[in-house]
PDB file of N, CA and C in Angstrom:
ATOM      1  N   MET A   1     111.252  35.042  35.452  1.00  0.00           N
ATOM      2  CA  MET A   1     112.544  34.286  34.960  1.00  0.00           C
ATOM      3  C   MET A   1     112.043  33.623  33.811  1.00  0.00           C
ATOM      4  N   ARG A   2     113.007  33.698  32.754  1.00  0.00           N
ATOM      5  CA  ARG A   2     112.919  34.019  31.295  1.00  0.00           C
ATOM      6  C   ARG A   2     113.916  32.368  30.637  1.00  0.00           C
ATOM      7  N   PHE A   3     113.219  32.076  29.906  1.00  0.00           N
ATOM      8  CA  PHE A   3     114.122  31.262  28.967  1.00  0.00           C
ATOM      9  C   PHE A   3     114.249  31.653  28.228  1.00  0.00           C
ATOM     10  N   TYR A   4     115.768  31.261  27.392  1.00  0.00           N
ATOM     11  CA  TYR A   4     116.395  31.676  25.784  1.00  0.00           C
ATOM     12  C   TYR A   4     117.104  30.638  25.268  1.00  0.00           C
ATOM     13  N   VAL A   5     116.881  30.688  24.323  1.00  0.00           N
ATOM     14  CA  VAL A   5     117.537  29.250  23.581  1.00  0.00           C
ATOM     15  C   VAL A   5     118.667  29.933  22.215  1.00  0.00           C
ATOM     16  N   LEU A   6     119.279  28.684  22.480  1.00  0.00           N
ATOM     17  CA  LEU A   6     120.442  29.490  21.465  1.00  0.00           C
ATOM     18  C   LEU A   6     120.437  28.278  20.687  1.00  0.00           C
ATOM     19  N   SER A   7     120.143  28.192  19.186  1.00  0.00           N
ATOM     20  CA  SER A   7     119.604  27.353  18.139  1.00  0.00           C
ATOM     21  C   SER A   7     121.160  26.900  17.112  1.00  0.00           C
ATOM     22  N   ASP A   8     121.038  26.715  16.035  1.00  0.00           N
ATOM     23  CA  ASP A   8     122.046  26.272  14.969  1.00  0.00           C
ATOM     24  C   ASP A   8     121.420  26.910  13.885  1.00  0.00           C
ATOM     25  N   ASN A   9     119.895  26.346  13.734  1.00  0.00           N
ATOM     26  CA  ASN A   9     118.705  26.474  13.085  1.00  0.00           C
ATOM     27  C   ASN A   9     117.872  27.192  13.122  1.00  0.00           C
ATOM     28  N   ARG A  10     117.109  27.791  11.809  1.00  0.00           N
ATOM     29  CA  ARG A  10     116.068  28.766  12.218  1.00  0.00           C
ATOM     30  C   ARG A  10     114.948  27.912  12.478  1.00  0.00           C
ATOM     31  N   GLU A  11     114.508  26.539  11.928  1.00  0.00           N
ATOM     32  CA  GLU A  11     113.068  25.742  12.815  1.00  0.00           C
ATOM     33  C   GLU A  11     113.439  25.770  13.886  1.00  0.00           C
ATOM     34  N   THR A  12     114.438  25.066  14.443  1.00  0.00           N
ATOM     35  CA  THR A  12     114.167  25.477  16.124  1.00  0.00           C
ATOM     36  C   THR A  12     113.795  26.658  16.519  1.00  0.00           C
ATOM     37  N   LEU A  13     114.897  27.950  16.322  1.00  0.00           N
ATOM     38  CA  LEU A  13     114.264  29.555  16.474  1.00  0.00           C
ATOM     39  C   LEU A  13     113.153  29.537  16.184  1.00  0.00           C
ATOM     40  N   VAL A  14     112.782  29.524  15.236  1.00  0.00           N
ATOM     41  CA  VAL A  14     111.206  29.444  14.909  1.00  0.00           C
ATOM     42  C   VAL A  14     109.949  28.932  15.893  1.00  0.00           C
ATOM     43  N   GLY A  15     110.421  27.594  16.046  1.00  0.00           N
ATOM     44  CA  GLY A  15     109.082  26.914  17.132  1.00  0.00           C
ATOM     45  C   GLY A  15     109.361  27.329  18.052  1.00  0.00           C
ATOM     46  N   MET A  16     110.042  28.231  18.763  1.00  0.00           N
ATOM     47  CA  MET A  16     110.198  28.861  19.992  1.00  0.00           C
ATOM     48  C   MET A  16     110.337  29.804  20.503  1.00  0.00           C
ATOM     49  N   ARG A  17     110.115  30.487  19.401  1.00  0.00           N
ATOM     50  CA  ARG A  17     109.246  31.476  19.435  1.00  0.00           C
ATOM     51  C   ARG A  17     108.133  32.037  19.380  1.00  0.00           C
ATOM     52  N   LEU A  18     107.382  30.676  18.416  1.00  0.00           N
ATOM     53  CA  LEU A  18     106.111  30.563  18.546  1.00  0.00           C
ATOM     54  C   LEU A  18     105.813  30.281  19.982  1.00  0.00           C
ATOM     55  N   ALA A  19     107.232  29.683  20.250  1.00  0.00           N
ATOM     56  CA  ALA A  19     105.946  29.109  22.071  1.00  0.00           C
ATOM     57  C   ALA A  19     106.622  30.386  23.667  1.00  0.00           C
ATOM     58  N   GLY A  20     106.716  31.658  22.473  1.00  0.00           N
ATOM     59  CA  GLY A  20     107.274  32.789  23.899  1.00  0.00           C
ATOM     60  C   GLY A  20     108.594  32.594  24.233  1.00  0.00           C
ATOM     61  N   ILE A  21     109.127  31.867  23.850  1.00  0.00           N
ATOM     62  CA  ILE A  21     110.815  31.850  23.940  1.00  0.00           C
ATOM     63  C   ILE A  21     111.653  32.839  22.806  1.00  0.00           C
ATOM     64  N   GLU A  22     112.770  33.268  23.594  1.00  0.00           N
ATOM     65  CA  GLU A  22     113.405  34.042  22.642  1.00  0.00           C
ATOM     66  C   GLU A  22     114.608  33.027  22.091  1.00  0.00           C
ATOM     67  N   GLY A  23     115.165  34.017  21.417  1.00  0.00           N
ATOM     68  CA  GLY A  23     116.802  32.882  21.074  1.00  0.00           C
ATOM     69  C   GLY A  23     117.226  33.746  20.100  1.00  0.00           C
ATOM     70  N   GLU A  24     118.309  32.670  19.174  1.00  0.00           N
ATOM     71  CA  GLU A  24     118.878  33.444  18.352  1.00  0.00           C
ATOM     72  C   GLU A  24     119.773  32.437  17.727  1.00  0.00           C
ATOM     73  N   ILE A  25     120.426  32.422  16.540  1.00  0.00           N
ATOM     74  CA  ILE A  25     120.933  31.225  16.332  1.00  0.00           C
ATOM     75  C   ILE A  25     123.004  31.720  16.119  1.00  0.00           C
ATOM     76  N   VAL A  26     123.420  30.198  16.056  1.00  0.00           N
ATOM     77  CA  VAL A  26     124.841  30.881  16.467  1.00  0.00           C
ATOM     78  C   VAL A  26     125.523  29.634  15.293  1.00  0.00           C
ATOM     79  N   HIS A  27     126.494  30.165  14.630  1.00  0.00           N
ATOM     80  CA  HIS A  27     126.646  29.819  13.817  1.00  0.00           C
ATOM     81  C   HIS A  27     128.397  28.830  13.938  1.00  0.00           C
ATOM     82  N   ASP A  28     129.380  29.714  14.940  1.00  0.00           N
ATOM     83  CA  ASP A  28     130.021  29.524  15.050  1.00  0.00           C
ATOM     84  C   ASP A  28     130.757  29.482  16.521  1.00  0.00           C
ATOM     85  N   GLU A  29     131.509  29.036  16.616  1.00  0.00           N
ATOM     86  CA  GLU A  29     132.466  28.359  18.512  1.00  0.00           C
ATOM     87  C   GLU A  29     132.591  30.277  18.938  1.00  0.00           C
ATOM     88  N   ALA A  30     133.211  31.196  18.659  1.00  0.00           N
ATOM     89  CA  ALA A  30     133.302  32.393  19.234  1.00  0.00           C
ATOM     90  C   ALA A  30     132.207  32.889  19.186  1.00  0.00           C
ATOM     91  N   THR A  31     130.906  33.393  18.855  1.00  0.00           N
ATOM     92  CA  THR A  31     129.765  33.883  19.115  1.00  0.00           C
ATOM     93  C   THR A  31     129.073  32.595  19.687  1.00  0.00           C
ATOM     94  N   TYR A  32     128.855  31.878  19.956  1.00  0.00           N
ATOM     95  CA  TYR A  32     128.089  30.975  20.940  1.00  0.00           C
ATOM     96  C   TYR A  32     129.121  31.121  22.516  1.00  0.00           C
ATOM     97  N   CYS A  33     130.568  30.983  22.278  1.00  0.00           N
ATOM     98  CA  CYS A  33     130.557  30.819  24.006  1.00  0.00           C
ATOM     99  C   CYS A  33     130.765  32.470  24.602  1.00  0.00           C
ATOM    100  N   LYS A  34     130.857  33.392  23.823  1.00  0.00           N
ATOM    101  CA  LYS A  34     130.452  35.059  23.694  1.00  0.00           C
ATOM    102  C   LYS A  34     128.830  35.624  24.645  1.00  0.00           C
ATOM    103  N   ARG A  35     127.707  34.396  23.326  1.00  0.00           N
ATOM    104  CA  ARG A  35     126.486  34.659  23.904  1.00  0.00           C
ATOM    105  C   ARG A  35     125.922  33.635  25.097  1.00  0.00           C
ATOM    106  N   LEU A  36     126.826  32.747  24.868  1.00  0.00           N
ATOM    107  CA  LEU A  36     126.568  31.601  26.354  1.00  0.00           C
ATOM    108  C   LEU A  36     127.149  32.566  27.514  1.00  0.00           C
ATOM    109  N   ASP A  37     128.278  33.514  27.955  1.00  0.00           N
ATOM    110  CA  ASP A  37     128.520  33.608  28.742  1.00  0.00           C
ATOM    111  C   ASP A  37     128.060  34.838  29.061  1.00  0.00           C
ATOM    112  N   GLU A  38     127.399  36.154  28.202  1.00  0.00           N
ATOM    113  CA  GLU A  38     126.594  36.990  28.672  1.00  0.00           C
ATOM    114  C   GLU A  38     125.301  36.819  28.922  1.00  0.00           C
ATOM    115  N   LEU A  39     124.843  35.370  28.692  1.00  0.00           N
ATOM    116  CA  LEU A  39     123.574  34.734  29.100  1.00  0.00           C
ATOM    117  C   LEU A  39     123.497  34.007  30.561  1.00  0.00           C
ATOM    118  N   CYS A  40     124.580  33.738  30.967  1.00  0.00           N
ATOM    119  CA  CYS A  40     124.597  33.172  32.149  1.00  0.00           C
ATOM    120  C   CYS A  40     125.055  34.619  33.342  1.00  0.00           C
ATOM    121  N   ASP A  41     125.697  35.881  32.696  1.00  0.00           N
ATOM    122  CA  ASP A  41     125.410  36.614  33.566  1.00  0.00           C
ATOM    123  C   ASP A  41     124.161  37.700  33.637  1.00  0.00           C
ATOM    124  N   ASP A  42     123.208  37.308  32.854  1.00  0.00           N
ATOM    125  CA  ASP A  42     122.185  38.252  33.019  1.00  0.00           C
ATOM    126  C   ASP A  42     121.437  36.980  34.043  1.00  0.00           C
ATOM    127  N   LYS A  43     120.752  37.942  35.272  1.00  0.00           N
ATOM    128  CA  LYS A  43     120.052  37.382  35.976  1.00  0.00           C
ATOM    129  C   LYS A  43     117.944  37.652  35.701  1.00  0.00           C
ATOM    130  N   SER A  44     118.479  37.793  34.890  1.00  0.00           N
ATOM    131  CA  SER A  44     116.679  37.317  34.295  1.00  0.00           C
ATOM    132  C   SER A  44     116.467  36.466  33.642  1.00  0.00           C
ATOM    133  N   ILE A  45     117.816  35.448  33.079  1.00  0.00           N
ATOM    134  CA  ILE A  45     117.370  34.502  32.343  1.00  0.00           C
ATOM    135  C   ILE A  45     117.434  33.288  33.615  1.00  0.00           C
ATOM    136  N   GLY A  46     116.620  32.271  33.635  1.00  0.00           N
ATOM    137  CA  GLY A  46     116.667  30.922  34.102  1.00  0.00           C
ATOM    138  C   GLY A  46     116.666  29.953  33.836  1.00  0.00           C
ATOM    139  N   VAL A  47     116.749  29.474  32.093  1.00  0.00           N
ATOM    140  CA  VAL A  47     117.302  28.278  31.375  1.00  0.00           C
ATOM    141  C   VAL A  47     117.503  28.828  30.275  1.00  0.00           C
ATOM    142  N   ILE A  48     118.711  28.584  29.653  1.00  0.00           N
ATOM    143  CA  ILE A  48     119.237  28.268  28.745  1.00  0.00           C
ATOM    144  C   ILE A  48     119.156  27.323  27.786  1.00  0.00           C
ATOM    145  N   LEU A  49     118.139  27.457  26.697  1.00  0.00           N
ATOM    146  CA  LEU A  49     117.926  25.915  25.857  1.00  0.00           C
ATOM    147  C   LEU A  49     119.137  25.963  24.742  1.00  0.00           C
ATOM    148  N   VAL A  50     119.528  24.695  24.650  1.00  0.00           N
ATOM    149  CA  VAL A  50     120.737  25.069  23.264  1.00  0.00           C
ATOM    150  C   VAL A  50     120.874  23.495  22.404  1.00  0.00           C
ATOM    151  N   THR A  51     120.736  23.863  21.411  1.00  0.00           N
ATOM    152  CA  THR A  51     120.443  22.773  20.700  1.00  0.00           C
ATOM    153  C   THR A  51     121.781  21.724  20.491  1.00  0.00           C
ATOM    154  N   GLY A  52     121.565  20.672  20.203  1.00  0.00           N
ATOM    155  CA  GLY A  52     122.649  19.865  20.145  1.00  0.00           C
ATOM    156  C   GLY A  52     123.963  20.162  19.209  1.00  0.00           C
ATOM    157  N   VAL A  53     123.724  20.261  17.996  1.00  0.00           N
ATOM    158  CA  VAL A  53     124.348  21.080  17.038  1.00  0.00           C
ATOM    159  C   VAL A  53     125.221  22.616  17.668  1.00  0.00           C
ATOM    160  N   ALA A  54     124.324  23.119  18.593  1.00  0.00           N
ATOM    161  CA  ALA A  54     125.469  24.341  18.654  1.00  0.00           C
ATOM    162  C   ALA A  54     125.949  24.060  19.767  1.00  0.00           C
ATOM    163  N   MET A  55     125.428  23.301  20.669  1.00  0.00           N
ATOM    164  CA  MET A  55     126.479  22.764  22.208  1.00  0.00           C
ATOM    165  C   MET A  55     127.503  22.511  21.619  1.00  0.00           C
ATOM    166  N   GLU A  56     127.868  21.245  20.413  1.00  0.00           N
ATOM    167  CA  GLU A  56     129.369  20.578  19.770  1.00  0.00           C
ATOM    168  C   GLU A  56     129.889  21.304  19.581  1.00  0.00           C
ATOM    169  N   LEU A  57     129.619  23.044  18.833  1.00  0.00           N
ATOM    170  CA  LEU A  57     130.655  24.167  18.639  1.00  0.00           C
ATOM    171  C   LEU A  57     131.564  24.240  20.048  1.00  0.00           C
ATOM    172  N   ALA A  58     131.127  24.016  21.337  1.00  0.00           N
ATOM    173  CA  ALA A  58     132.631  24.458  22.228  1.00  0.00           C
ATOM    174  C   ALA A  58     132.077  23.726  23.326  1.00  0.00           C
ATOM    175  N   PRO A  59     132.126  22.231  23.351  1.00  0.00           N
ATOM    176  CA  PRO A  59     131.700  20.808  24.461  1.00  0.00           C
ATOM    177  C   PRO A  59     131.998  21.223  25.604  1.00  0.00           C
ATOM    178  N   GLN A  60     133.296  21.489  25.745  1.00  0.00           N
ATOM    179  CA  GLN A  60     134.255  22.066  27.282  1.00  0.00           C
ATOM    180  C   GLN A  60     133.625  23.128  27.817  1.00  0.00           C
ATOM    181  N   PHE A  61     133.488  23.984  26.896  1.00  0.00           N
ATOM    182  CA  PHE A  61     133.217  25.411  27.575  1.00  0.00           C
ATOM    183  C   PHE A  61     131.817  25.380  28.170  1.00  0.00           C
ATOM    184  N   THR A  62     130.832  24.384  27.046  1.00  0.00           N
ATOM    185  CA  THR A  62     129.326  24.751  28.160  1.00  0.00           C
ATOM    186  C   THR A  62     129.945  23.536  29.135  1.00  0.00           C
ATOM    187  N   ALA A  63     130.156  22.811  28.963  1.00  0.00           N
ATOM    188  CA  ALA A  63     130.216  22.012  30.467  1.00  0.00           C
ATOM    189  C   ALA A  63     130.889  22.429  32.020  1.00  0.00           C
ATOM    190  N   ASP A  64     131.737  23.475  31.644  1.00  0.00           N
ATOM    191  CA  ASP A  64     132.684  24.161  32.310  1.00  0.00           C
ATOM    192  C   ASP A  64     131.493  25.477  32.810  1.00  0.00           C
ATOM    193  N   LYS A  65     130.419  25.895  31.998  1.00  0.00           N
ATOM    194  CA  LYS A  65     129.327  26.712  32.479  1.00  0.00           C
ATOM    195  C   LYS A  65     128.489  25.753  33.151  1.00  0.00           C
ATOM    196  N   LYS A  66     128.195  24.535  32.587  1.00  0.00           N
ATOM    197  CA  LYS A  66     127.207  24.032  33.855  1.00  0.00           C
ATOM    198  C   LYS A  66     127.492  23.430  35.143  1.00  0.00           C
ATOM    199  N   LEU A  67     129.022  23.189  35.176  1.00  0.00           N
ATOM    200  CA  LEU A  67     129.333  23.151  36.734  1.00  0.00           C
ATOM    201  C   LEU A  67     129.748  24.011  37.845  1.00  0.00           C
ATOM    202  N   HIS A  68     130.380  25.537  37.041  1.00  0.00           N
ATOM    203  CA  HIS A  68     130.609  26.612  37.238  1.00  0.00           C
ATOM    204  C   HIS A  68     129.386  27.171  37.943  1.00  0.00           C
ATOM    205  N   CYS A  69     128.454  27.599  36.981  1.00  0.00           N
ATOM    206  CA  CYS A  69     127.073  28.261  36.924  1.00  0.00           C
ATOM    207  C   CYS A  69     126.365  28.044  37.808  1.00  0.00           C
ATOM    208  N   LYS A  70     125.767  28.370  39.027  1.00  0.00           N
ATOM    209  CA  LYS A  70     124.596  28.506  40.004  1.00  0.00           C
ATOM    210  C   LYS A  70     122.875  28.415  39.290  1.00  0.00           C
ATOM    211  N   ARG A  71     123.508  29.122  38.354  1.00  0.00           N
ATOM    212  CA  ARG A  71     122.146  29.832  37.925  1.00  0.00           C
ATOM    213  C   ARG A  71     122.284  30.805  36.195  1.00  0.00           C
ATOM    214  N   PRO A  72     121.798  30.457  34.901  1.00  0.00           N
ATOM    215  CA  PRO A  72     121.095  29.974  34.908  1.00  0.00           C
ATOM    216  C   PRO A  72     120.938  28.073  34.396  1.00  0.00           C
ATOM    217  N   LEU A  73     119.963  27.438  34.425  1.00  0.00           N
ATOM    218  CA  LEU A  73     120.197  25.839  33.823  1.00  0.00           C
ATOM    219  C   LEU A  73     120.276  26.229  32.827  1.00  0.00           C
ATOM    220  N   ILE A  74     121.129  25.251  31.882  1.00  0.00           N
ATOM    221  CA  ILE A  74     121.733  24.933  30.797  1.00  0.00           C
ATOM    222  C   ILE A  74     121.173  23.557  30.626  1.00  0.00           C
ATOM    223  N   ALA A  75     120.464  23.613  29.121  1.00  0.00           N
ATOM    224  CA  ALA A  75     119.979  22.300  28.587  1.00  0.00           C
ATOM    225  C   ALA A  75     120.093  22.245  27.671  1.00  0.00           C
ATOM    226  N   GLU A  76     120.233  20.715  26.956  1.00  0.00           N
ATOM    227  CA  GLU A  76     120.908  20.354  25.289  1.00  0.00           C
ATOM    228  C   GLU A  76     118.831  20.056  25.089  1.00  0.00           C
ATOM    229  N   ILE A  77     118.721  20.326  24.449  1.00  0.00           N
ATOM    230  CA  ILE A  77     117.272  20.372  23.498  1.00  0.00           C
ATOM    231  C   ILE A  77     117.659  19.513  22.052  1.00  0.00           C
ATOM    232  N   GLY A  78     116.607  18.828  21.661  1.00  0.00           N
ATOM    233  CA  GLY A  78     116.489  18.137  20.606  1.00  0.00           C
ATOM    234  C   GLY A  78     115.985  19.012  19.658  1.00  0.00           C
ATOM    235  N   ASP A  79     116.678  18.712  18.009  1.00  0.00           N
ATOM    236  CA  ASP A  79     116.023  19.383  16.938  1.00  0.00           C
ATOM    237  C   ASP A  79     115.838  18.524  15.687  1.00  0.00           C
ATOM    238  N   ARG A  80     115.729  19.230  14.307  1.00  0.00           N
ATOM    239  CA  ARG A  80     115.792  17.952  13.212  1.00  0.00           C
ATOM    240  C   ARG A  80     117.027  17.262  13.339  1.00  0.00           C
ATOM    241  N   HIS A  81     118.148  17.198  13.778  1.00  0.00           N
ATOM    242  CA  HIS A  81     119.599  16.947  13.573  1.00  0.00           C
ATOM    243  C   HIS A  81     119.543  15.235  14.711  1.00  0.00           C
ATOM    244  N   SER A  82     118.422  15.585  15.787  1.00  0.00           N
ATOM    245  CA  SER A  82     119.225  14.681  17.176  1.00  0.00           C
ATOM    246  C   SER A  82     118.030  13.568  16.317  1.00  0.00           C
ATOM    247  N   SER A  83     118.648  12.158  16.856  1.00  0.00           N
ATOM    248  CA  SER A  83     118.100  10.997  16.709  1.00  0.00           C
ATOM    249  C   SER A  83     117.341  10.810  17.923  1.00  0.00           C
ATOM    250  N   ASP A  84     117.567  11.131  19.095  1.00  0.00           N
ATOM    251  CA  ASP A  84     116.889  10.397  20.815  1.00  0.00           C
ATOM    252  C   ASP A  84     115.715  11.016  20.553  1.00  0.00           C
ATOM    253  N   ASN A  85     115.208   9.851  21.026  1.00  0.00           N
ATOM    254  CA  ASN A  85     113.453   9.589  21.420  1.00  0.00           C
ATOM    255  C   ASN A  85     113.308  10.835  22.716  1.00  0.00           C
ATOM    256  N   ILE A  86     112.071  11.922  21.908  1.00  0.00           N
ATOM    257  CA  ILE A  86     111.756  12.813  22.468  1.00  0.00           C
ATOM    258  C   ILE A  86     111.770  12.586  24.196  1.00  0.00           C
ATOM    259  N   SER A  87     110.499  11.675  24.396  1.00  0.00           N
ATOM    260  CA  SER A  87     109.806  11.871  25.461  1.00  0.00           C
ATOM    261  C   SER A  87     111.494  11.423  26.496  1.00  0.00           C
ATOM    262  N   HIS A  88     112.471  10.894  26.202  1.00  0.00           N
ATOM    263  CA  HIS A  88     113.121  10.468  26.964  1.00  0.00           C
ATOM    264  C   HIS A  88     113.682  11.780  27.067  1.00  0.00           C
ATOM    265  N   ALA A  89     114.131  12.396  26.282  1.00  0.00           N
ATOM    266  CA  ALA A  89     115.085  14.097  26.554  1.00  0.00           C
ATOM    267  C   ALA A  89     114.043  14.748  27.327  1.00  0.00           C
ATOM    268  N   LEU A  90     112.504  14.641  27.243  1.00  0.00           N
ATOM    269  CA  LEU A  90     111.585  15.696  28.339  1.00  0.00           C
ATOM    270  C   LEU A  90     112.409  14.944  29.508  1.00  0.00           C
ATOM    271  N   MET A  91     112.426  13.615  29.624  1.00  0.00           N
ATOM    272  CA  MET A  91     112.120  13.079  31.389  1.00  0.00           C
ATOM    273  C   MET A  91     114.006  13.529  31.596  1.00  0.00           C
ATOM    274  N   LYS A  92     114.361  13.334  31.025  1.00  0.00           N
ATOM    275  CA  LYS A  92     115.709  13.971  31.331  1.00  0.00           C
ATOM    276  C   LYS A  92     115.890  15.503  31.872  1.00  0.00           C
ATOM    277  N   TYR A  93     115.020  16.601  30.933  1.00  0.00           N
ATOM    278  CA  TYR A  93     115.183  17.661  30.726  1.00  0.00           C
ATOM    279  C   TYR A  93     114.484  17.598  32.222  1.00  0.00           C
ATOM    280  N   VAL A  94     113.118  17.349  32.919  1.00  0.00           N
ATOM    281  CA  VAL A  94     112.705  17.137  34.035  1.00  0.00           C
ATOM    282  C   VAL A  94     113.162  17.289  35.109  1.00  0.00           C
ATOM    283  N   LYS A  95     114.000  15.953  35.069  1.00  0.00           N
ATOM    284  CA  LYS A  95     114.933  15.371  36.322  1.00  0.00           C
ATOM    285  C   LYS A  95     116.259  16.183  36.321  1.00  0.00           C
ATOM    286  N   GLU A  96     116.753  17.370  35.374  1.00  0.00           N
ATOM    287  CA  GLU A  96     117.799  17.955  35.470  1.00  0.00           C
ATOM    288  C   GLU A  96     116.968  19.266  36.442  1.00  0.00           C
ATOM    289  N   ALA A  97     115.643  19.436  36.133  1.00  0.00           N
ATOM    290  CA  ALA A  97     115.079  21.036  36.278  1.00  0.00           C
ATOM    291  C   ALA A  97     115.271  21.006  37.552  1.00  0.00           C
ATOM    292  N   VAL A  98     114.397  19.721  38.260  1.00  0.00           N
ATOM    293  CA  VAL A  98     114.033  19.758  39.829  1.00  0.00           C
ATOM    294  C   VAL A  98     114.005  18.291  40.400  1.00  0.00           C
ATOM    295  N   GLY A  99     115.030  17.873  39.768  1.00  0.00           N
ATOM    296  CA  GLY A  99     115.729  16.269  40.397  1.00  0.00           C
ATOM    297  C   GLY A  99     114.433  15.645  40.735  1.00  0.00           C
ATOM    298  N   ILE A 100     113.684  15.071  40.118  1.00  0.00           N
ATOM    299  CA  ILE A 100     113.218  13.850  40.370  1.00  0.00           C
ATOM    300  C   ILE A 100     112.710  13.272  38.822  1.00  0.00           C
ATOM    301  N   SER A 101     113.069  11.721  39.149  1.00  0.00           N
ATOM    302  CA  SER A 101     112.690  11.388  37.741  1.00  0.00           C
ATOM    303  C   SER A 101     111.600  11.031  37.707  1.00  0.00           C
ATOM    304  N   ILE A 102     111.030  10.373  36.176  1.00  0.00           N
ATOM    305  CA  ILE A 102     109.723  10.141  35.999  1.00  0.00           C
ATOM    306  C   ILE A 102     109.386   8.700  35.722  1.00  0.00           C
TER     307      ILE A 102
END
């Protein structure tokens, strides 16, 4: 099972690559939707991480994918644009991924 990141900026992508996670930058809705569709069909990918700004390119499309695709898990991650508390975000990801609250 692999992780993959769809990012709106280079800094987040570079950070993820340093952690061993592949990914790419998306700047427009058409590219984002196309890649998310392709990644959802790839059986080797278990988790797709999407930055908040990238997810805002097509929020309804993303919500539909989350509801109708059993696999992979699609999770929003914070980046330099987010104002959320990082520990809150991490607890949310764990809860989404394994179903337990920390």
